[in-house]
Amino acid sequence: MNTLSLFAFIRFVELVRSEVDGEIPVKQVKMLLQVLDCEEVIPLQDIARDLGTSSASATRNMQNLRKLGFIDSHIDPLDNRNRLLTTTDKGKLLKLKILELIQKENTTHEHKKKEKSLAS
């Protein structure tokens, strides 16, 4: 992870925490990032595998994110043991804020890089 993406992730965590008026575990932030990044639906079992977490832990994190209103879940019609996650309107709004934040950070980073090269 480069410095810019690390900084963007930290800002993202701060943004999410401001949206929920408090703390949110990093594991839930990572799960939220995966759901927000997906255009359609994403199976909970895929997120658990990608994050290297148990199904039980992934289910708890999913339930908390649902309570916060960022994601929704439905039973997978092909496998009723699994859940499919989607982004809610609140989650989509958060995604727009994130994209604006990333764009701003990229612009700032490029500007500083240009200033530094001109100063050399």
PDB file of N, CA and C in Angstrom:
ATOM      1  N   MET A   1       0.860  -1.174   0.000  1.00  0.00           N
ATOM      2  CA  MET A   1       0.000   0.000   0.000  1.00  0.00           C
ATOM      3  C   MET A   1       0.901   1.230   0.000  1.00  0.00           C
ATOM      4  N   ASN A   2       0.710   2.111  -0.968  1.00  0.00           N
ATOM      5  CA  ASN A   2       1.538   3.309  -1.007  1.00  0.00           C
ATOM      6  C   ASN A   2       1.020   4.351  -0.016  1.00  0.00           C
ATOM      7  N   THR A   3       1.807   5.410   0.165  1.00  0.00           N
ATOM      8  CA  THR A   3       1.466   6.439   1.150  1.00  0.00           C
ATOM      9  C   THR A   3       0.119   7.079   0.854  1.00  0.00           C
ATOM     10  N   LEU A   4      -0.145   7.347  -0.436  1.00  0.00           N
ATOM     11  CA  LEU A   4      -1.412   7.977  -0.804  1.00  0.00           C
ATOM     12  C   LEU A   4      -2.591   7.075  -0.463  1.00  0.00           C
ATOM     13  N   SER A   5      -2.503   5.786  -0.802  1.00  0.00           N
ATOM     14  CA  SER A   5      -3.633   4.905  -0.522  1.00  0.00           C
ATOM     15  C   SER A   5      -3.799   4.673   0.983  1.00  0.00           C
ATOM     16  N   LEU A   6      -2.696   4.636   1.713  1.00  0.00           N
ATOM     17  CA  LEU A   6      -2.782   4.511   3.170  1.00  0.00           C
ATOM     18  C   LEU A   6      -3.466   5.740   3.758  1.00  0.00           C
ATOM     19  N   PHE A   7      -3.064   6.923   3.279  1.00  0.00           N
ATOM     20  CA  PHE A   7      -3.678   8.154   3.743  1.00  0.00           C
ATOM     21  C   PHE A   7      -5.167   8.176   3.390  1.00  0.00           C
ATOM     22  N   ALA A   8      -5.500   7.753   2.174  1.00  0.00           N
ATOM     23  CA  ALA A   8      -6.901   7.720   1.741  1.00  0.00           C
ATOM     24  C   ALA A   8      -7.700   6.748   2.612  1.00  0.00           C
ATOM     25  N   PHE A   9      -7.102   5.603   2.970  1.00  0.00           N
ATOM     26  CA  PHE A   9      -7.798   4.641   3.824  1.00  0.00           C
ATOM     27  C   PHE A   9      -8.056   5.246   5.201  1.00  0.00           C
ATOM     28  N   ILE A  10      -7.068   5.917   5.746  1.00  0.00           N
ATOM     29  CA  ILE A  10      -7.243   6.551   7.060  1.00  0.00           C
ATOM     30  C   ILE A  10      -8.354   7.598   6.998  1.00  0.00           C
ATOM     31  N   ARG A  11      -8.338   8.409   5.942  1.00  0.00           N
ATOM     32  CA  ARG A  11      -9.398   9.409   5.773  1.00  0.00           C
ATOM     33  C   ARG A  11     -10.757   8.732   5.612  1.00  0.00           C
ATOM     34  N   PHE A  12     -10.783   7.598   4.906  1.00  0.00           N
ATOM     35  CA  PHE A  12     -12.029   6.848   4.740  1.00  0.00           C
ATOM     36  C   PHE A  12     -12.545   6.372   6.093  1.00  0.00           C
ATOM     37  N   VAL A  13     -11.669   5.824   6.913  1.00  0.00           N
ATOM     38  CA  VAL A  13     -12.076   5.372   8.254  1.00  0.00           C
ATOM     39  C   VAL A  13     -12.641   6.543   9.047  1.00  0.00           C
ATOM     40  N   GLU A  14     -11.970   7.688   8.979  1.00  0.00           N
ATOM     41  CA  GLU A  14     -12.462   8.881   9.672  1.00  0.00           C
ATOM     42  C   GLU A  14     -13.830   9.294   9.147  1.00  0.00           C
ATOM     43  N   LEU A  15     -14.012   9.226   7.832  1.00  0.00           N
ATOM     44  CA  LEU A  15     -15.291   9.582   7.223  1.00  0.00           C
ATOM     45  C   LEU A  15     -16.402   8.654   7.698  1.00  0.00           C
ATOM     46  N   VAL A  16     -16.136   7.350   7.694  1.00  0.00           N
ATOM     47  CA  VAL A  16     -17.140   6.386   8.142  1.00  0.00           C
ATOM     48  C   VAL A  16     -17.474   6.617   9.606  1.00  0.00           C
ATOM     49  N   ARG A  17     -16.456   6.838  10.421  1.00  0.00           N
ATOM     50  CA  ARG A  17     -16.687   7.071  11.846  1.00  0.00           C
ATOM     51  C   ARG A  17     -17.508   8.335  12.075  1.00  0.00           C
ATOM     52  N   SER A  18     -17.303   9.346  11.245  1.00  0.00           N
ATOM     53  CA  SER A  18     -18.113  10.562  11.395  1.00  0.00           C
ATOM     54  C   SER A  18     -19.563  10.304  10.982  1.00  0.00           C
ATOM     55  N   GLU A  19     -19.763   9.404  10.036  1.00  0.00           N
ATOM     56  CA  GLU A  19     -21.120   9.062   9.583  1.00  0.00           C
ATOM     57  C   GLU A  19     -21.896   8.295  10.644  1.00  0.00           C
ATOM     58  N   VAL A  20     -21.192   7.525  11.463  1.00  0.00           N
ATOM     59  CA  VAL A  20     -21.861   6.717  12.488  1.00  0.00           C
ATOM     60  C   VAL A  20     -21.761   7.336  13.869  1.00  0.00           C
ATOM     61  N   ASP A  21     -21.168   8.532  13.940  1.00  0.00           N
ATOM     62  CA  ASP A  21     -21.002   9.232  15.220  1.00  0.00           C
ATOM     63  C   ASP A  21     -20.297   8.377  16.263  1.00  0.00           C
ATOM     64  N   GLY A  22     -19.228   7.738  15.867  1.00  0.00           N
ATOM     65  CA  GLY A  22     -18.484   6.956  16.847  1.00  0.00           C
ATOM     66  C   GLY A  22     -17.500   6.006  16.206  1.00  0.00           C
ATOM     67  N   GLU A  23     -17.183   4.982  16.949  1.00  0.00           N
ATOM     68  CA  GLU A  23     -16.194   4.007  16.525  1.00  0.00           C
ATOM     69  C   GLU A  23     -16.827   2.928  15.656  1.00  0.00           C
ATOM     70  N   ILE A  24     -16.025   2.399  14.759  1.00  0.00           N
ATOM     71  CA  ILE A  24     -16.410   1.256  13.948  1.00  0.00           C
ATOM     72  C   ILE A  24     -15.142   0.438  13.753  1.00  0.00           C
ATOM     73  N   PRO A  25     -15.191  -0.862  14.040  1.00  0.00           N
ATOM     74  CA  PRO A  25     -13.984  -1.683  13.913  1.00  0.00           C
ATOM     75  C   PRO A  25     -13.437  -1.688  12.483  1.00  0.00           C
ATOM     76  N   VAL A  26     -12.126  -1.773  12.365  1.00  0.00           N
ATOM     77  CA  VAL A  26     -11.480  -1.766  11.056  1.00  0.00           C
ATOM     78  C   VAL A  26     -11.981  -2.928  10.197  1.00  0.00           C
ATOM     79  N   LYS A  27     -12.261  -4.088  10.805  1.00  0.00           N
ATOM     80  CA  LYS A  27     -12.779  -5.219  10.025  1.00  0.00           C
ATOM     81  C   LYS A  27     -14.098  -4.853   9.341  1.00  0.00           C
ATOM     82  N   GLN A  28     -14.930  -4.100  10.024  1.00  0.00           N
ATOM     83  CA  GLN A  28     -16.189  -3.678   9.414  1.00  0.00           C
ATOM     84  C   GLN A  28     -15.941  -2.656   8.310  1.00  0.00           C
ATOM     85  N   VAL A  29     -14.950  -1.808   8.500  1.00  0.00           N
ATOM     86  CA  VAL A  29     -14.604  -0.826   7.470  1.00  0.00           C
ATOM     87  C   VAL A  29     -14.115  -1.555   6.221  1.00  0.00           C
ATOM     88  N   LYS A  30     -13.285  -2.589   6.406  1.00  0.00           N
ATOM     89  CA  LYS A  30     -12.789  -3.366   5.268  1.00  0.00           C
ATOM     90  C   LYS A  30     -13.942  -4.048   4.536  1.00  0.00           C
ATOM     91  N   MET A  31     -14.878  -4.608   5.297  1.00  0.00           N
ATOM     92  CA  MET A  31     -16.037  -5.254   4.677  1.00  0.00           C
ATOM     93  C   MET A  31     -16.853  -4.228   3.908  1.00  0.00           C
ATOM     94  N   LEU A  32     -17.060  -3.086   4.506  1.00  0.00           N
ATOM     95  CA  LEU A  32     -17.830  -2.034   3.859  1.00  0.00           C
ATOM     96  C   LEU A  32     -17.162  -1.602   2.553  1.00  0.00           C
ATOM     97  N   LEU A  33     -15.839  -1.481   2.562  1.00  0.00           N
ATOM     98  CA  LEU A  33     -15.110  -1.129   1.342  1.00  0.00           C
ATOM     99  C   LEU A  33     -15.376  -2.140   0.239  1.00  0.00           C
ATOM    100  N   GLN A  34     -15.382  -3.419   0.587  1.00  0.00           N
ATOM    101  CA  GLN A  34     -15.619  -4.450  -0.425  1.00  0.00           C
ATOM    102  C   GLN A  34     -17.021  -4.365  -1.001  1.00  0.00           C
ATOM    103  N   VAL A  35     -18.001  -4.134  -0.147  1.00  0.00           N
ATOM    104  CA  VAL A  35     -19.382  -4.045  -0.628  1.00  0.00           C
ATOM    105  C   VAL A  35     -19.554  -2.798  -1.489  1.00  0.00           C
ATOM    106  N   LEU A  36     -18.983  -1.678  -1.043  1.00  0.00           N
ATOM    107  CA  LEU A  36     -19.087  -0.438  -1.811  1.00  0.00           C
ATOM    108  C   LEU A  36     -18.400  -0.552  -3.167  1.00  0.00           C
ATOM    109  N   ASP A  37     -17.343  -1.347  -3.224  1.00  0.00           N
ATOM    110  CA  ASP A  37     -16.585  -1.500  -4.464  1.00  0.00           C
ATOM    111  C   ASP A  37     -17.314  -2.375  -5.491  1.00  0.00           C
ATOM    112  N   CYS A  38     -18.259  -3.161  -5.027  1.00  0.00           N
ATOM    113  CA  CYS A  38     -18.981  -4.077  -5.906  1.00  0.00           C
ATOM    114  C   CYS A  38     -20.188  -3.361  -6.528  1.00  0.00           C
ATOM    115  N   GLU A  39     -20.343  -3.487  -7.830  1.00  0.00           N
ATOM    116  CA  GLU A  39     -21.444  -2.813  -8.527  1.00  0.00           C
ATOM    117  C   GLU A  39     -22.786  -3.522  -8.318  1.00  0.00           C
ATOM    118  N   GLU A  40     -22.773  -4.806  -8.187  1.00  0.00           N
ATOM    119  CA  GLU A  40     -24.015  -5.580  -8.056  1.00  0.00           C
ATOM    120  C   GLU A  40     -24.160  -6.107  -6.629  1.00  0.00           C
ATOM    121  N   VAL A  41     -24.122  -7.410  -6.497  1.00  0.00           N
ATOM    122  CA  VAL A  41     -24.188  -8.047  -5.184  1.00  0.00           C
ATOM    123  C   VAL A  41     -22.885  -8.803  -4.966  1.00  0.00           C
ATOM    124  N   ILE A  42     -22.575  -9.019  -3.700  1.00  0.00           N
ATOM    125  CA  ILE A  42     -21.376  -9.784  -3.376  1.00  0.00           C
ATOM    126  C   ILE A  42     -21.736 -10.775  -2.277  1.00  0.00           C
ATOM    127  N   PRO A  43     -21.401 -12.049  -2.476  1.00  0.00           N
ATOM    128  CA  PRO A  43     -21.702 -13.054  -1.460  1.00  0.00           C
ATOM    129  C   PRO A  43     -20.888 -12.828  -0.185  1.00  0.00           C
ATOM    130  N   LEU A  44     -21.535 -12.975   0.943  1.00  0.00           N
ATOM    131  CA  LEU A  44     -20.865 -12.817   2.238  1.00  0.00           C
ATOM    132  C   LEU A  44     -19.699 -13.789   2.356  1.00  0.00           C
ATOM    133  N   GLN A  45     -19.856 -15.002   1.845  1.00  0.00           N
ATOM    134  CA  GLN A  45     -18.773 -15.986   1.954  1.00  0.00           C
ATOM    135  C   GLN A  45     -17.527 -15.536   1.182  1.00  0.00           C
ATOM    136  N   ASP A  46     -17.712 -14.802   0.081  1.00  0.00           N
ATOM    137  CA  ASP A  46     -16.565 -14.275  -0.665  1.00  0.00           C
ATOM    138  C   ASP A  46     -15.823 -13.222   0.155  1.00  0.00           C
ATOM    139  N   ILE A  47     -16.574 -12.378   0.834  1.00  0.00           N
ATOM    140  CA  ILE A  47     -15.951 -11.350   1.673  1.00  0.00           C
ATOM    141  C   ILE A  47     -15.186 -12.004   2.824  1.00  0.00           C
ATOM    142  N   ALA A  48     -15.806 -12.994   3.456  1.00  0.00           N
ATOM    143  CA  ALA A  48     -15.141 -13.699   4.561  1.00  0.00           C
ATOM    144  C   ALA A  48     -13.822 -14.302   4.077  1.00  0.00           C
ATOM    145  N   ARG A  49     -13.851 -14.936   2.920  1.00  0.00           N
ATOM    146  CA  ARG A  49     -12.636 -15.540   2.364  1.00  0.00           C
ATOM    147  C   ARG A  49     -11.593 -14.460   2.056  1.00  0.00           C
ATOM    148  N   ASP A  50     -12.007 -13.384   1.387  1.00  0.00           N
ATOM    149  CA  ASP A  50     -11.072 -12.324   1.007  1.00  0.00           C
ATOM    150  C   ASP A  50     -10.440 -11.644   2.218  1.00  0.00           C
ATOM    151  N   LEU A  51     -11.217 -11.501   3.287  1.00  0.00           N
ATOM    152  CA  LEU A  51     -10.706 -10.852   4.499  1.00  0.00           C
ATOM    153  C   LEU A  51     -10.002 -11.822   5.434  1.00  0.00           C
ATOM    154  N   GLY A  52     -10.062 -13.121   5.105  1.00  0.00           N
ATOM    155  CA  GLY A  52      -9.423 -14.130   5.949  1.00  0.00           C
ATOM    156  C   GLY A  52     -10.074 -14.246   7.309  1.00  0.00           C
ATOM    157  N   THR A  53     -11.399 -14.162   7.322  1.00  0.00           N
ATOM    158  CA  THR A  53     -12.138 -14.222   8.588  1.00  0.00           C
ATOM    159  C   THR A  53     -13.134 -15.379   8.545  1.00  0.00           C
ATOM    160  N   SER A  54     -13.617 -15.753   9.692  1.00  0.00           N
ATOM    161  CA  SER A  54     -14.592 -16.842   9.757  1.00  0.00           C
ATOM    162  C   SER A  54     -15.958 -16.360   9.285  1.00  0.00           C
ATOM    163  N   SER A  55     -16.802 -17.319   8.938  1.00  0.00           N
ATOM    164  CA  SER A  55     -18.171 -16.980   8.530  1.00  0.00           C
ATOM    165  C   SER A  55     -18.925 -16.304   9.665  1.00  0.00           C
ATOM    166  N   ALA A  56     -18.701 -16.772  10.882  1.00  0.00           N
ATOM    167  CA  ALA A  56     -19.387 -16.182  12.037  1.00  0.00           C
ATOM    168  C   ALA A  56     -18.982 -14.722  12.234  1.00  0.00           C
ATOM    169  N   SER A  57     -17.692 -14.456  12.121  1.00  0.00           N
ATOM    170  CA  SER A  57     -17.204 -13.081  12.269  1.00  0.00           C
ATOM    171  C   SER A  57     -17.747 -12.197  11.147  1.00  0.00           C
ATOM    172  N   ALA A  58     -17.733 -12.718   9.926  1.00  0.00           N
ATOM    173  CA  ALA A  58     -18.254 -11.961   8.783  1.00  0.00           C
ATOM    174  C   ALA A  58     -19.738 -11.672   8.971  1.00  0.00           C
ATOM    175  N   THR A  59     -20.481 -12.631   9.507  1.00  0.00           N
ATOM    176  CA  THR A  59     -21.920 -12.438   9.741  1.00  0.00           C
ATOM    177  C   THR A  59     -22.158 -11.344  10.777  1.00  0.00           C
ATOM    178  N   ARG A  60     -21.382 -11.341  11.857  1.00  0.00           N
ATOM    179  CA  ARG A  60     -21.518 -10.297  12.885  1.00  0.00           C
ATOM    180  C   ARG A  60     -21.215  -8.916  12.298  1.00  0.00           C
ATOM    181  N   ASN A  61     -20.142  -8.826  11.520  1.00  0.00           N
ATOM    182  CA  ASN A  61     -19.783  -7.552  10.902  1.00  0.00           C
ATOM    183  C   ASN A  61     -20.869  -7.088   9.938  1.00  0.00           C
ATOM    184  N   MET A  62     -21.408  -8.022   9.155  1.00  0.00           N
ATOM    185  CA  MET A  62     -22.484  -7.709   8.216  1.00  0.00           C
ATOM    186  C   MET A  62     -23.712  -7.191   8.962  1.00  0.00           C
ATOM    187  N   GLN A  63     -24.055  -7.834  10.067  1.00  0.00           N
ATOM    188  CA  GLN A  63     -25.224  -7.406  10.848  1.00  0.00           C
ATOM    189  C   GLN A  63     -25.038  -5.989  11.382  1.00  0.00           C
ATOM    190  N   ASN A  64     -23.845  -5.675  11.847  1.00  0.00           N
ATOM    191  CA  ASN A  64     -23.584  -4.325  12.356  1.00  0.00           C
ATOM    192  C   ASN A  64     -23.663  -3.289  11.238  1.00  0.00           C
ATOM    193  N   LEU A  65     -23.134  -3.609  10.068  1.00  0.00           N
ATOM    194  CA  LEU A  65     -23.195  -2.678   8.937  1.00  0.00           C
ATOM    195  C   LEU A  65     -24.635  -2.489   8.455  1.00  0.00           C
ATOM    196  N   ARG A  66     -25.448  -3.539   8.567  1.00  0.00           N
ATOM    197  CA  ARG A  66     -26.876  -3.414   8.233  1.00  0.00           C
ATOM    198  C   ARG A  66     -27.563  -2.487   9.222  1.00  0.00           C
ATOM    199  N   LYS A  67     -27.267  -2.645  10.506  1.00  0.00           N
ATOM    200  CA  LYS A  67     -27.862  -1.778  11.527  1.00  0.00           C
ATOM    201  C   LYS A  67     -27.488  -0.317  11.300  1.00  0.00           C
ATOM    202  N   LEU A  68     -26.269  -0.088  10.811  1.00  0.00           N
ATOM    203  CA  LEU A  68     -25.814   1.279  10.530  1.00  0.00           C
ATOM    204  C   LEU A  68     -26.434   1.831   9.250  1.00  0.00           C
ATOM    205  N   GLY A  69     -27.034   0.949   8.449  1.00  0.00           N
ATOM    206  CA  GLY A  69     -27.738   1.379   7.248  1.00  0.00           C
ATOM    207  C   GLY A  69     -26.900   1.489   5.989  1.00  0.00           C
ATOM    208  N   PHE A  70     -25.656   0.974   5.991  1.00  0.00           N
ATOM    209  CA  PHE A  70     -24.790   1.077   4.822  1.00  0.00           C
ATOM    210  C   PHE A  70     -25.017  -0.038   3.805  1.00  0.00           C
ATOM    211  N   ILE A  71     -25.415  -1.208   4.301  1.00  0.00           N
ATOM    212  CA  ILE A  71     -25.600  -2.349   3.405  1.00  0.00           C
ATOM    213  C   ILE A  71     -26.920  -3.038   3.698  1.00  0.00           C
ATOM    214  N   ASP A  72     -27.329  -3.856   2.751  1.00  0.00           N
ATOM    215  CA  ASP A  72     -28.511  -4.696   2.924  1.00  0.00           C
ATOM    216  C   ASP A  72     -28.097  -6.111   2.557  1.00  0.00           C
ATOM    217  N   SER A  73     -28.825  -7.080   3.033  1.00  0.00           N
ATOM    218  CA  SER A  73     -28.494  -8.464   2.693  1.00  0.00           C
ATOM    219  C   SER A  73     -29.764  -9.246   2.399  1.00  0.00           C
ATOM    220  N   HIS A  74     -29.597 -10.220   1.530  1.00  0.00           N
ATOM    221  CA  HIS A  74     -30.692 -11.094   1.137  1.00  0.00           C
ATOM    222  C   HIS A  74     -30.168 -12.518   1.074  1.00  0.00           C
ATOM    223  N   ILE A  75     -31.044 -13.466   1.292  1.00  0.00           N
ATOM    224  CA  ILE A  75     -30.652 -14.864   1.174  1.00  0.00           C
ATOM    225  C   ILE A  75     -30.351 -15.165  -0.291  1.00  0.00           C
ATOM    226  N   ASP A  76     -29.258 -15.861  -0.519  1.00  0.00           N
ATOM    227  CA  ASP A  76     -28.863 -16.265  -1.866  1.00  0.00           C
ATOM    228  C   ASP A  76     -29.869 -17.307  -2.368  1.00  0.00           C
ATOM    229  N   PRO A  77     -30.569 -17.031  -3.472  1.00  0.00           N
ATOM    230  CA  PRO A  77     -31.565 -17.984  -3.966  1.00  0.00           C
ATOM    231  C   PRO A  77     -30.950 -19.310  -4.436  1.00  0.00           C
ATOM    232  N   LEU A  78     -29.656 -19.311  -4.741  1.00  0.00           N
ATOM    233  CA  LEU A  78     -28.981 -20.537  -5.180  1.00  0.00           C
ATOM    234  C   LEU A  78     -28.405 -21.342  -4.025  1.00  0.00           C
ATOM    235  N   ASP A  79     -28.221 -20.686  -2.871  1.00  0.00           N
ATOM    236  CA  ASP A  79     -27.657 -21.354  -1.696  1.00  0.00           C
ATOM    237  C   ASP A  79     -28.157 -20.630  -0.457  1.00  0.00           C
ATOM    238  N   ASN A  80     -29.221 -21.165   0.143  1.00  0.00           N
ATOM    239  CA  ASN A  80     -29.847 -20.453   1.260  1.00  0.00           C
ATOM    240  C   ASN A  80     -28.981 -20.389   2.519  1.00  0.00           C
ATOM    241  N   ARG A  81     -27.793 -20.985   2.471  1.00  0.00           N
ATOM    242  CA  ARG A  81     -26.863 -20.864   3.605  1.00  0.00           C
ATOM    243  C   ARG A  81     -26.046 -19.580   3.506  1.00  0.00           C
ATOM    244  N   ASN A  82     -26.092 -18.942   2.359  1.00  0.00           N
ATOM    245  CA  ASN A  82     -25.278 -17.749   2.138  1.00  0.00           C
ATOM    246  C   ASN A  82     -26.160 -16.509   1.986  1.00  0.00           C
ATOM    247  N   ARG A  83     -25.556 -15.355   2.213  1.00  0.00           N
ATOM    248  CA  ARG A  83     -26.250 -14.081   2.049  1.00  0.00           C
ATOM    249  C   ARG A  83     -25.556 -13.268   0.969  1.00  0.00           C
ATOM    250  N   LEU A  84     -26.359 -12.504   0.233  1.00  0.00           N
ATOM    251  CA  LEU A  84     -25.838 -11.601  -0.790  1.00  0.00           C
ATOM    252  C   LEU A  84     -25.944 -10.179  -0.258  1.00  0.00           C
ATOM    253  N   LEU A  85     -24.870  -9.429  -0.359  1.00  0.00           N
ATOM    254  CA  LEU A  85     -24.829  -8.081   0.182  1.00  0.00           C
ATOM    255  C   LEU A  85     -24.912  -7.053  -0.932  1.00  0.00           C
ATOM    256  N   THR A  86     -25.631  -5.982  -0.666  1.00  0.00           N
ATOM    257  CA  THR A  86     -25.745  -4.857  -1.599  1.00  0.00           C
ATOM    258  C   THR A  86     -25.592  -3.557  -0.811  1.00  0.00           C
ATOM    259  N   THR A  87     -25.329  -2.496  -1.543  1.00  0.00           N
ATOM    260  CA  THR A  87     -25.179  -1.172  -0.941  1.00  0.00           C
ATOM    261  C   THR A  87     -26.546  -0.486  -0.865  1.00  0.00           C
ATOM    262  N   THR A  88     -26.848   0.123   0.259  1.00  0.00           N
ATOM    263  CA  THR A  88     -28.088   0.900   0.409  1.00  0.00           C
ATOM    264  C   THR A  88     -27.866   2.305  -0.152  1.00  0.00           C
ATOM    265  N   ASP A  89     -28.910   3.100  -0.161  1.00  0.00           N
ATOM    266  CA  ASP A  89     -28.767   4.492  -0.599  1.00  0.00           C
ATOM    267  C   ASP A  89     -27.768   5.244   0.284  1.00  0.00           C
ATOM    268  N   LYS A  90     -27.813   4.971   1.583  1.00  0.00           N
ATOM    269  CA  LYS A  90     -26.858   5.604   2.504  1.00  0.00           C
ATOM    270  C   LYS A  90     -25.431   5.171   2.160  1.00  0.00           C
ATOM    271  N   GLY A  91     -25.260   3.911   1.812  1.00  0.00           N
ATOM    272  CA  GLY A  91     -23.953   3.408   1.410  1.00  0.00           C
ATOM    273  C   GLY A  91     -23.484   4.031   0.106  1.00  0.00           C
ATOM    274  N   LYS A  92     -24.418   4.207  -0.837  1.00  0.00           N
ATOM    275  CA  LYS A  92     -24.064   4.836  -2.122  1.00  0.00           C
ATOM    276  C   LYS A  92     -23.642   6.288  -1.923  1.00  0.00           C
ATOM    277  N   LEU A  93     -24.307   6.975  -1.020  1.00  0.00           N
ATOM    278  CA  LEU A  93     -23.925   8.357  -0.711  1.00  0.00           C
ATOM    279  C   LEU A  93     -22.525   8.396  -0.100  1.00  0.00           C
ATOM    280  N   LEU A  94     -22.252   7.456   0.782  1.00  0.00           N
ATOM    281  CA  LEU A  94     -20.920   7.358   1.384  1.00  0.00           C
ATOM    282  C   LEU A  94     -19.872   7.085   0.301  1.00  0.00           C
ATOM    283  N   LYS A  95     -20.214   6.239  -0.662  1.00  0.00           N
ATOM    284  CA  LYS A  95     -19.287   5.936  -1.753  1.00  0.00           C
ATOM    285  C   LYS A  95     -18.964   7.198  -2.551  1.00  0.00           C
ATOM    286  N   LEU A  96     -19.975   8.023  -2.812  1.00  0.00           N
ATOM    287  CA  LEU A  96     -19.730   9.280  -3.523  1.00  0.00           C
ATOM    288  C   LEU A  96     -18.785  10.185  -2.738  1.00  0.00           C
ATOM    289  N   LYS A  97     -18.979  10.236  -1.429  1.00  0.00           N
ATOM    290  CA  LYS A  97     -18.098  11.045  -0.584  1.00  0.00           C
ATOM    291  C   LYS A  97     -16.668  10.517  -0.636  1.00  0.00           C
ATOM    292  N   ILE A  98     -16.534   9.193  -0.657  1.00  0.00           N
ATOM    293  CA  ILE A  98     -15.211   8.571  -0.714  1.00  0.00           C
ATOM    294  C   ILE A  98     -14.530   8.916  -2.033  1.00  0.00           C
ATOM    295  N   LEU A  99     -15.273   8.802  -3.131  1.00  0.00           N
ATOM    296  CA  LEU A  99     -14.704   9.104  -4.442  1.00  0.00           C
ATOM    297  C   LEU A  99     -14.260  10.570  -4.522  1.00  0.00           C
ATOM    298  N   GLU A 100     -15.041  11.469  -3.937  1.00  0.00           N
ATOM    299  CA  GLU A 100     -14.650  12.880  -3.890  1.00  0.00           C
ATOM    300  C   GLU A 100     -13.381  13.058  -3.063  1.00  0.00           C
ATOM    301  N   LEU A 101     -13.315  12.347  -1.944  1.00  0.00           N
ATOM    302  CA  LEU A 101     -12.139  12.415  -1.078  1.00  0.00           C
ATOM    303  C   LEU A 101     -10.899  11.914  -1.814  1.00  0.00           C
ATOM    304  N   ILE A 102     -11.023  10.797  -2.509  1.00  0.00           N
ATOM    305  CA  ILE A 102      -9.889  10.237  -3.247  1.00  0.00           C
ATOM    306  C   ILE A 102      -9.445  11.200  -4.343  1.00  0.00           C
ATOM    307  N   GLN A 103     -10.409  11.772  -5.059  1.00  0.00           N
ATOM    308  CA  GLN A 103     -10.073  12.727  -6.115  1.00  0.00           C
ATOM    309  C   GLN A 103      -9.325  13.929  -5.542  1.00  0.00           C
ATOM    310  N   LYS A 104      -9.802  14.423  -4.423  1.00  0.00           N
ATOM    311  CA  LYS A 104      -9.147  15.568  -3.781  1.00  0.00           C
ATOM    312  C   LYS A 104      -7.734  15.202  -3.340  1.00  0.00           C
ATOM    313  N   GLU A 105      -7.574  14.011  -2.736  1.00  0.00           N
ATOM    314  CA  GLU A 105      -6.251  13.573  -2.281  1.00  0.00           C
ATOM    315  C   GLU A 105      -5.309  13.379  -3.465  1.00  0.00           C
ATOM    316  N   ASN A 106      -5.808  12.824  -4.559  1.00  0.00           N
ATOM    317  CA  ASN A 106      -4.980  12.638  -5.754  1.00  0.00           C
ATOM    318  C   ASN A 106      -4.530  13.975  -6.316  1.00  0.00           C
ATOM    319  N   THR A 107      -5.436  14.933  -6.365  1.00  0.00           N
ATOM    320  CA  THR A 107      -5.110  16.261  -6.881  1.00  0.00           C
ATOM    321  C   THR A 107      -4.070  16.932  -5.999  1.00  0.00           C
ATOM    322  N   THR A 108      -4.259  16.871  -4.698  1.00  0.00           N
ATOM    323  CA  THR A 108      -3.306  17.455  -3.750  1.00  0.00           C
ATOM    324  C   THR A 108      -1.941  16.791  -3.880  1.00  0.00           C
ATOM    325  N   HIS A 109      -1.942  15.469  -3.983  1.00  0.00           N
ATOM    326  CA  HIS A 109      -0.696  14.708  -4.099  1.00  0.00           C
ATOM    327  C   HIS A 109       0.049  15.095  -5.381  1.00  0.00           C
ATOM    328  N   GLU A 110      -0.664  15.172  -6.480  1.00  0.00           N
ATOM    329  CA  GLU A 110      -0.048  15.547  -7.760  1.00  0.00           C
ATOM    330  C   GLU A 110       0.487  16.978  -7.710  1.00  0.00           C
ATOM    331  N   HIS A 111      -0.259  17.871  -7.075  1.00  0.00           N
ATOM    332  CA  HIS A 111       0.176  19.269  -6.956  1.00  0.00           C
ATOM    333  C   HIS A 111       1.474  19.359  -6.150  1.00  0.00           C
ATOM    334  N   LYS A 112       1.537  18.642  -5.039  1.00  0.00           N
ATOM    335  CA  LYS A 112       2.742  18.657  -4.205  1.00  0.00           C
ATOM    336  C   LYS A 112       3.924  18.047  -4.946  1.00  0.00           C
ATOM    337  N   LYS A 113       3.653  16.996  -5.706  1.00  0.00           N
ATOM    338  CA  LYS A 113       4.702  16.346  -6.474  1.00  0.00           C
ATOM    339  C   LYS A 113       5.260  17.296  -7.526  1.00  0.00           C
ATOM    340  N   LYS A 114       4.370  18.037  -8.176  1.00  0.00           N
ATOM    341  CA  LYS A 114       4.779  18.996  -9.198  1.00  0.00           C
ATOM    342  C   LYS A 114       5.599  20.135  -8.578  1.00  0.00           C
ATOM    343  N   GLU A 115       5.151  20.637  -7.420  1.00  0.00           N
ATOM    344  CA  GLU A 115       5.886  21.708  -6.723  1.00  0.00           C
ATOM    345  C   GLU A 115       7.276  21.237  -6.340  1.00  0.00           C
ATOM    346  N   LYS A 116       7.363  19.995  -5.872  1.00  0.00           N
ATOM    347  CA  LYS A 116       8.642  19.457  -5.447  1.00  0.00           C
ATOM    348  C   LYS A 116       9.597  19.324  -6.643  1.00  0.00           C
ATOM    349  N   SER A 117       9.081  18.883  -7.783  1.00  0.00           N
ATOM    350  CA  SER A 117       9.942  18.733  -8.963  1.00  0.00           C
ATOM    351  C   SER A 117      10.386  20.096  -9.503  1.00  0.00           C
ATOM    352  N   LEU A 118       9.527  21.104  -9.383  1.00  0.00           N
ATOM    353  CA  LEU A 118       9.893  22.459  -9.825  1.00  0.00           C
ATOM    354  C   LEU A 118      10.944  23.081  -8.913  1.00  0.00           C
ATOM    355  N   ALA A 119      10.888  22.712  -7.638  1.00  0.00           N
ATOM    356  CA  ALA A 119      11.836  23.261  -6.671  1.00  0.00           C
ATOM    357  C   ALA A 119      13.213  22.633  -6.821  1.00  0.00           C
ATOM    358  N   SER A 120      13.290  21.481  -7.447  1.00  0.00           N
ATOM    359  CA  SER A 120      14.583  20.780  -7.589  1.00  0.00           C
ATOM    360  C   SER A 120      15.450  21.352  -8.667  1.00  0.00           C
TER     361      SER A 120
END
